[in-house]
Protein backbone atom coordinates (compact mmCIF):
# COMPACT_ATOMS: atom_id res chain seq x y z
CA MET A 1 -10.40 -6.76 9.97
CA ILE A 2 -9.14 -5.72 6.55
CA TYR A 3 -5.60 -4.43 6.06
CA VAL A 4 -4.89 -1.26 4.10
CA SER A 5 -2.51 -3.39 2.00
CA ASP A 6 -5.51 -5.60 1.05
CA LEU A 7 -7.23 -2.53 -0.38
CA MET A 8 -4.13 -1.65 -2.39
CA ASN A 9 -3.89 -5.20 -3.73
CA TYR A 10 -7.56 -5.09 -4.77
CA LEU A 11 -7.10 -1.80 -6.61
CA LYS A 12 -4.08 -3.19 -8.45
CA CYS A 13 -5.93 -6.38 -9.36
CA PRO A 14 -8.86 -7.97 -7.48
CA ARG A 15 -7.43 -11.42 -8.19
CA LEU A 16 -4.12 -10.38 -6.61
CA CYS A 17 -6.06 -9.57 -3.44
CA TYR A 18 -7.71 -13.00 -3.60
CA PHE A 19 -4.48 -14.97 -3.95
CA ARG A 20 -2.55 -12.96 -1.39
CA SER A 21 -5.34 -13.70 1.08
CA LYS A 22 -4.83 -17.42 0.41
CA PHE A 23 -1.06 -17.71 0.02
CA SER A 24 1.96 -15.99 1.52
CA SER A 25 4.07 -13.90 -0.84
CA LYS A 26 7.81 -13.34 -1.03
CA LEU A 27 9.35 -10.09 0.08
CA ASN A 28 9.83 -7.82 -2.92
CA GLU A 29 11.46 -4.54 -3.92
CA ALA A 30 8.73 -2.54 -2.21
CA ASN A 31 9.62 -4.17 1.10
CA ALA A 32 13.31 -3.45 0.56
CA VAL A 33 12.62 0.17 -0.38
CA LYS A 34 10.61 0.63 2.80
CA GLU A 35 13.49 -0.66 4.95
CA ILE A 36 15.94 1.64 3.15
CA TYR A 37 13.71 4.68 3.62
CA LEU A 38 13.00 4.00 7.29
CA SER A 39 16.64 3.32 8.11
CA LEU A 40 17.91 6.50 6.43
CA ARG A 41 15.09 8.60 7.84
CA LYS A 42 15.94 7.43 11.36
CA GLY A 43 19.62 8.27 10.89
CA TYR A 44 20.96 4.79 10.16
CA ASP A 45 22.85 3.62 7.07
CA LEU A 46 22.20 1.23 4.21
CA GLU A 47 23.86 -1.66 5.99
CA TRP A 48 21.32 -1.32 8.78
CA ALA A 49 18.55 -1.35 6.18
CA ARG A 50 20.08 -4.46 4.61
CA SER A 51 20.16 -6.20 8.00
CA ARG A 52 16.52 -5.37 8.64
CA PHE A 53 15.45 -6.66 5.23
CA LEU A 54 17.44 -9.89 5.44
CA GLU A 55 16.13 -10.62 8.93
CA LEU A 56 12.61 -10.30 7.57
CA GLY A 57 13.45 -13.05 5.08
CA GLY A 58 14.44 -10.97 2.07
CA ASP A 59 17.37 -11.75 -0.21
CA GLU A 60 20.50 -9.82 -1.17
CA GLU A 61 19.65 -9.51 -4.87
CA THR A 62 16.28 -7.88 -4.22
CA PHE A 63 17.83 -5.47 -1.72
CA ASN A 64 20.61 -4.48 -4.12
CA VAL A 65 18.13 -3.76 -6.92
CA ALA A 66 16.06 -1.56 -4.60
CA LYS A 67 19.20 0.20 -3.35
CA SER A 68 20.31 1.00 -6.91
CA LYS A 69 16.97 2.70 -7.64
CA PHE A 70 16.38 4.47 -4.34
CA LYS A 71 16.72 8.26 -4.05
CA PHE A 72 16.61 10.20 -0.79
CA SER A 73 15.33 13.73 -1.38
CA GLN A 74 16.36 16.77 0.63
CA ASP A 75 12.69 17.85 0.46
CA LEU A 76 12.05 15.39 3.29
CA LYS A 77 13.78 17.84 5.64
CA GLU A 78 10.59 19.93 5.45
CA LEU A 79 8.79 17.12 7.29
CA LYS A 80 9.51 16.58 10.98
CA PRO A 81 9.13 12.91 11.94
CA ILE A 82 6.67 12.19 14.74
CA ASP A 83 6.68 8.40 14.56
CA TRP A 84 7.40 5.53 12.18
CA GLU A 85 5.65 2.24 11.42
CA VAL A 86 2.57 3.29 13.36
CA LYS A 87 0.13 0.42 13.94
CA LEU A 88 -3.47 1.61 13.60
CA GLU A 89 -6.72 -0.31 13.96
CA SER A 90 -10.40 0.58 13.94
CA GLU A 91 -13.30 -1.75 14.74
CA ARG A 92 -15.65 0.99 13.57
CA TYR A 93 -14.17 1.00 10.06
CA ARG A 94 -13.20 -2.71 10.10
CA LEU A 95 -9.74 -1.63 9.02
CA ARG A 96 -6.13 -1.87 10.19
CA GLY A 97 -2.74 -0.95 8.82
CA ILE A 98 0.82 0.15 9.50
CA LEU A 99 1.49 3.77 8.58
CA ASP A 100 4.98 4.30 7.16
CA GLU A 101 5.46 7.64 8.89
CA LEU A 102 3.53 10.26 10.81
CA VAL A 103 4.95 13.74 10.19
CA ASP A 104 4.64 17.36 11.24
CA PHE A 105 4.62 19.85 8.36
CA LYS A 106 5.09 23.50 9.33
CA GLY A 107 3.31 23.02 12.64
CA LEU A 108 0.11 21.67 11.07
CA LYS A 109 -1.79 18.72 12.49
CA PRO A 110 0.01 15.38 12.15
CA LEU A 111 -0.03 14.28 8.52
CA VAL A 112 0.41 10.80 7.09
CA LEU A 113 3.27 9.84 4.78
CA SER A 114 3.06 6.84 2.49
CA LEU A 115 5.84 5.29 0.40
CA ARG A 116 5.81 4.21 -3.24
CA GLY A 117 8.38 3.11 -5.76
CA GLY A 118 8.48 5.20 -8.90
CA LYS A 119 5.08 4.76 -10.53
CA ASP A 120 2.56 7.52 -9.93
CA VAL A 121 -0.83 5.88 -9.40
CA ARG A 122 -2.83 8.80 -8.07
CA PHE A 123 -6.20 7.19 -7.35
CA ARG A 124 -4.66 4.28 -5.48
CA GLU A 125 -2.55 6.66 -3.41
CA LYS A 126 -5.56 8.83 -2.58
CA ILE A 127 -7.34 5.77 -1.23
CA LYS A 128 -4.30 4.79 0.81
CA ILE A 129 -4.07 8.25 2.35
CA ALA A 130 -7.84 8.22 2.97
CA SER A 131 -7.54 4.84 4.72
CA PHE A 132 -5.00 6.13 7.20
CA CYS A 133 -6.97 9.35 7.70
CA LEU A 134 -9.95 7.20 8.71
CA LEU A 135 -7.80 5.18 11.11
CA LEU A 136 -6.42 8.35 12.69
CA ARG A 137 -9.92 9.83 12.92
CA ASP A 138 -10.93 6.85 15.04
CA ARG A 139 -8.13 7.89 17.43
CA GLY A 140 -9.51 11.41 17.61
CA VAL A 141 -7.04 12.93 15.13
CA GLU A 142 -8.85 14.80 12.35
CA VAL A 143 -6.65 14.91 9.24
CA ASN A 144 -7.61 15.07 5.57
CA GLU A 145 -4.28 15.09 3.78
CA GLY A 146 -0.87 13.54 3.68
CA PHE A 147 2.24 13.00 1.57
CA VAL A 148 3.33 10.33 -0.87
CA TYR A 149 7.07 9.87 -1.27
CA TYR A 150 8.19 8.28 -4.54
CA CYS A 151 11.38 6.51 -3.58
CA TYR A 152 12.67 5.86 -7.10
CA ASP A 153 12.62 9.47 -8.30
CA GLY A 154 12.83 11.30 -4.97
CA SER A 155 9.64 13.30 -5.45
CA LEU A 156 7.30 14.25 -2.64
CA ARG A 157 3.63 14.93 -3.39
CA ARG A 158 1.02 16.37 -1.08
CA VAL A 159 -2.35 14.61 -1.33
CA GLY A 160 -5.69 15.85 -0.02
CA VAL A 161 -8.70 13.60 0.50
CA GLY A 162 -12.35 14.20 1.28
CA GLY A 163 -15.64 12.43 1.85
CA LYS A 164 -15.62 10.91 -1.63
CA GLU A 165 -12.33 9.10 -1.05
CA ARG A 166 -13.29 8.02 2.46
CA TYR A 167 -16.63 6.67 1.20
CA TYR A 168 -14.93 4.70 -1.58
CA THR A 169 -12.48 3.31 0.95
CA LEU A 170 -15.35 1.88 2.98
CA LYS A 171 -16.88 0.38 -0.17
CA LEU A 172 -13.53 -1.26 -0.86
CA VAL A 173 -13.53 -2.74 2.65
CA GLU A 174 -16.84 -4.42 1.79
CA LYS A 175 -15.47 -5.78 -1.49
CA VAL A 176 -12.32 -7.14 0.12
CA GLU A 177 -14.32 -8.77 2.90
CA ARG A 178 -16.25 -10.65 0.22
CA VAL A 179 -12.99 -11.79 -1.38
CA LYS A 180 -11.67 -12.92 2.01
CA LYS A 181 -14.76 -15.11 2.36
CA GLY A 182 -13.84 -16.94 -0.84
CA PHE A 183 -15.38 -14.94 -3.68
CA LEU A 184 -13.23 -15.07 -6.83
CA PRO A 185 -13.33 -11.62 -8.47
CA GLU A 186 -12.59 -10.58 -12.03
CA LYS A 187 -9.03 -9.95 -13.18
CA GLY A 188 -7.74 -6.41 -13.26
CA LYS A 189 -6.26 -4.76 -16.32
CA VAL A 190 -2.66 -5.54 -15.47
CA ASN A 191 0.30 -7.36 -16.98
CA CYS A 192 -0.35 -10.90 -15.76
CA ASN A 193 3.07 -12.10 -16.95
CA LEU A 194 4.71 -10.27 -14.06
CA CYS A 195 2.42 -11.76 -11.42
CA GLU A 196 3.68 -14.48 -9.09
CA TYR A 197 0.19 -16.01 -9.04
CA LYS A 198 -0.26 -16.19 -12.83
CA GLU A 199 -0.33 -19.98 -12.98
CA ALA A 200 -2.68 -20.37 -10.03
CA CYS A 201 -4.95 -17.65 -11.41
CA GLU A 202 -5.22 -19.30 -14.82
CA SER A 203 -5.98 -22.66 -13.25
CA LYS A 204 -8.98 -21.15 -11.47
CA GLY A 205 -10.74 -20.78 -14.80
CA SER A 206 -13.39 -18.22 -15.62
CA THR A 207 -15.82 -16.54 -13.29
CA PHE A 208 -19.55 -16.38 -14.02
CA PHE A 209 -19.20 -13.03 -15.71
CA GLU A 210 -16.36 -14.21 -17.96
CA ARG A 211 -18.38 -17.27 -19.00
CA PHE A 212 -21.83 -15.72 -19.40
CA GLY A 213 -21.45 -11.94 -19.20
CA LYS A 214 -20.89 -11.31 -22.90
CA LYS A 215 -23.64 -13.73 -23.93
CA PHE A 216 -26.27 -12.06 -21.75
CA LYS A 217 -24.73 -8.57 -21.94
CA LEU A 218 -24.53 -8.24 -18.16
């Protein structure tokens, strides 16, 4: 089974997906932001969110940074919560994940809601929404859209997906499965200096393409 988070890691950088499949990673701001959102959305306060994050193994400094950036928008009142942290799994699609929130919007079918920090990465978010739509479809719930909530600027964006996004999601599952089996992919176009696996990644050396691709114009 491939996690939805594995797909997101691959889209950010295929090597990040590789290393996170091999090594555990520390809790980061994204984890803290999620605990803040869920606590406030459920009617609890920031201290409850802090307790949740620290019990998971997070640290005070990371939580305080996330808290200073977080914004809770009144637009969220338009969305009626159905459930939070919904565990979904599909043998058919070889995929599993934990949905941040399942919501009701103006009496429509249940829609998915996904959290992000402040950076708008539209393609990656479309694939994330498509992933959860596939997982819900396997439960008999037909849904082709959802919301992305940007926790650092308080904006809420509605995202629709179709067959193209669902198809690409399944292709990503295949790629990540290959990585999980030990294949070392190419680096993504990201700032490697900010990556916790920078040293390990550099020590892996070049892949076949990096060594021979330019020479043979592959």
